[in-house]
C-alpha atoms as a PDB file:
ATOM      1  CA  UNK A   1      31.434 -44.547  23.203  1.00  0.00           C
ATOM      2  CA  UNK A   2      30.198 -43.084  19.951  1.00  0.00           C
ATOM      3  CA  UNK A   3      27.732 -45.005  17.772  1.00  0.00           C
ATOM      4  CA  UNK A   4      26.598 -43.650  14.548  1.00  0.00           C
ATOM      5  CA  UNK A   5      23.314 -45.253  12.728  1.00  0.00           C
ATOM      6  CA  UNK A   6      21.817 -44.414   9.455  1.00  0.00           C
ATOM      7  CA  UNK A   7      18.657 -45.351   7.775  1.00  0.00           C
ATOM      8  CA  UNK A   8      18.247 -44.895   4.032  1.00  0.00           C
ATOM      9  CA  UNK A   9      15.165 -45.699   2.061  1.00  0.00           C
ATOM     10  CA  UNK A  10      15.190 -43.987  -1.239  1.00  0.00           C
ATOM     11  CA  UNK A  11      11.569 -45.248  -2.152  1.00  0.00           C
ATOM     12  CA  UNK A  12      10.090 -43.307   0.808  1.00  0.00           C
ATOM     13  CA  UNK A  13      12.628 -40.275   0.645  1.00  0.00           C
ATOM     14  CA  UNK A  14      13.831 -41.493   4.065  1.00  0.00           C
ATOM     15  CA  UNK A  15      17.622 -40.388   4.779  1.00  0.00           C
ATOM     16  CA  UNK A  16      18.089 -40.097   8.436  1.00  0.00           C
ATOM     17  CA  UNK A  17      20.959 -40.528  11.006  1.00  0.00           C
ATOM     18  CA  UNK A  18      20.996 -41.079  14.726  1.00  0.00           C
ATOM     19  CA  UNK A  19      24.140 -40.765  16.976  1.00  0.00           C
ATOM     20  CA  UNK A  20      24.598 -41.985  20.514  1.00  0.00           C
ATOM     21  CA  UNK A  21      27.571 -40.845  22.588  1.00  0.00           C
ATOM     22  CA  UNK A  22      28.662 -40.668  26.283  1.00  0.00           C
ATOM     23  CA  UNK A  23      30.009 -37.468  27.515  1.00  0.00           C
ATOM     24  CA  UNK A  24      31.396 -36.300  30.920  1.00  0.00           C
ATOM     25  CA  UNK A  25      28.950 -34.563  33.142  1.00  0.00           C
ATOM     26  CA  UNK A  26      29.542 -31.812  35.606  1.00  0.00           C
ATOM     27  CA  UNK A  27      27.120 -33.037  38.220  1.00  0.00           C
ATOM     28  CA  UNK A  28      27.374 -36.844  37.614  1.00  0.00           C
ATOM     29  CA  UNK A  29      29.969 -39.439  36.213  1.00  0.00           C
ATOM     30  CA  UNK A  30      28.463 -39.465  32.506  1.00  0.00           C
ATOM     31  CA  UNK A  31      25.673 -38.207  30.302  1.00  0.00           C
ATOM     32  CA  UNK A  32      24.083 -40.034  27.328  1.00  0.00           C
ATOM     33  CA  UNK A  33      23.961 -37.530  24.426  1.00  0.00           C
ATOM     34  CA  UNK A  34      21.518 -38.388  21.497  1.00  0.00           C
ATOM     35  CA  UNK A  35      21.598 -36.484  17.977  1.00  0.00           C
ATOM     36  CA  UNK A  36      19.346 -37.304  15.314  1.00  0.00           C
ATOM     37  CA  UNK A  37      18.127 -35.928  12.169  1.00  0.00           C
ATOM     38  CA  UNK A  38      18.025 -35.756   8.369  1.00  0.00           C
ATOM     39  CA  UNK A  39      21.450 -36.653   6.675  1.00  0.00           C
ATOM     40  CA  UNK A  40      23.142 -33.467   5.585  1.00  0.00           C
ATOM     41  CA  UNK A  41      21.442 -31.459   8.164  1.00  0.00           C
ATOM     42  CA  UNK A  42      22.342 -30.328  11.685  1.00  0.00           C
ATOM     43  CA  UNK A  43      19.656 -32.443  13.380  1.00  0.00           C
ATOM     44  CA  UNK A  44      18.541 -32.098  16.957  1.00  0.00           C
ATOM     45  CA  UNK A  45      20.511 -32.798  20.189  1.00  0.00           C
ATOM     46  CA  UNK A  46      19.166 -34.046  23.481  1.00  0.00           C
ATOM     47  CA  UNK A  47      21.114 -35.168  26.644  1.00  0.00           C
ATOM     48  CA  UNK A  48      19.006 -38.208  27.652  1.00  0.00           C
ATOM     49  CA  UNK A  49      20.301 -38.557  31.036  1.00  0.00           C
ATOM     50  CA  UNK A  50      23.163 -38.390  33.336  1.00  0.00           C
ATOM     51  CA  UNK A  51      24.245 -40.606  36.351  1.00  0.00           C
ATOM     52  CA  UNK A  52      26.677 -43.332  36.660  1.00  0.00           C
ATOM     53  CA  UNK A  53      28.663 -44.492  33.827  1.00  0.00           C
ATOM     54  CA  UNK A  54      27.029 -47.907  34.014  1.00  0.00           C
ATOM     55  CA  UNK A  55      23.563 -46.325  33.828  1.00  0.00           C
ATOM     56  CA  UNK A  56      24.341 -44.326  30.810  1.00  0.00           C
ATOM     57  CA  UNK A  57      25.719 -47.490  28.958  1.00  0.00           C
ATOM     58  CA  UNK A  58      22.629 -49.283  29.822  1.00  0.00           C
ATOM     59  CA  UNK A  59      20.373 -46.545  28.402  1.00  0.00           C
ATOM     60  CA  UNK A  60      22.800 -46.394  25.287  1.00  0.00           C
ATOM     61  CA  UNK A  61      22.376 -50.165  24.698  1.00  0.00           C
ATOM     62  CA  UNK A  62      18.622 -49.946  24.831  1.00  0.00           C
ATOM     63  CA  UNK A  63      18.539 -46.981  22.371  1.00  0.00           C
ATOM     64  CA  UNK A  64      20.822 -48.957  19.954  1.00  0.00           C
ATOM     65  CA  UNK A  65      18.496 -52.059  20.110  1.00  0.00           C
ATOM     66  CA  UNK A  66      15.353 -49.866  19.485  1.00  0.00           C
ATOM     67  CA  UNK A  67      16.978 -48.068  16.582  1.00  0.00           C
ATOM     68  CA  UNK A  68      18.211 -51.286  15.113  1.00  0.00           C
ATOM     69  CA  UNK A  69      14.530 -52.628  15.283  1.00  0.00           C
ATOM     70  CA  UNK A  70      13.258 -49.531  13.552  1.00  0.00           C
ATOM     71  CA  UNK A  71      15.527 -50.197  10.330  1.00  0.00           C
ATOM     72  CA  UNK A  72      18.846 -48.164  11.211  1.00  0.00           C
ATOM     73  CA  UNK A  73      22.203 -49.760  10.445  1.00  0.00           C
ATOM     74  CA  UNK A  74      25.489 -49.113  11.822  1.00  0.00           C
ATOM     75  CA  UNK A  75      27.952 -46.902  10.059  1.00  0.00           C
END
């Protein structure tokens, strides 16, 4: 699961991206990896949590809904 979101608002000089992905984890079944920042830059990375695949998918769904409410769009 790889989700790429972008938020572009030229009037406010806002060019941002947000990526949500699931990755295998050494100690658990899956980990949720989140990457965000300004378009064109490296951005920041955070491993939001690890656990079962179902838990990671639920967290990804919650993050996706939150970002869509904040004006991000799927790419």
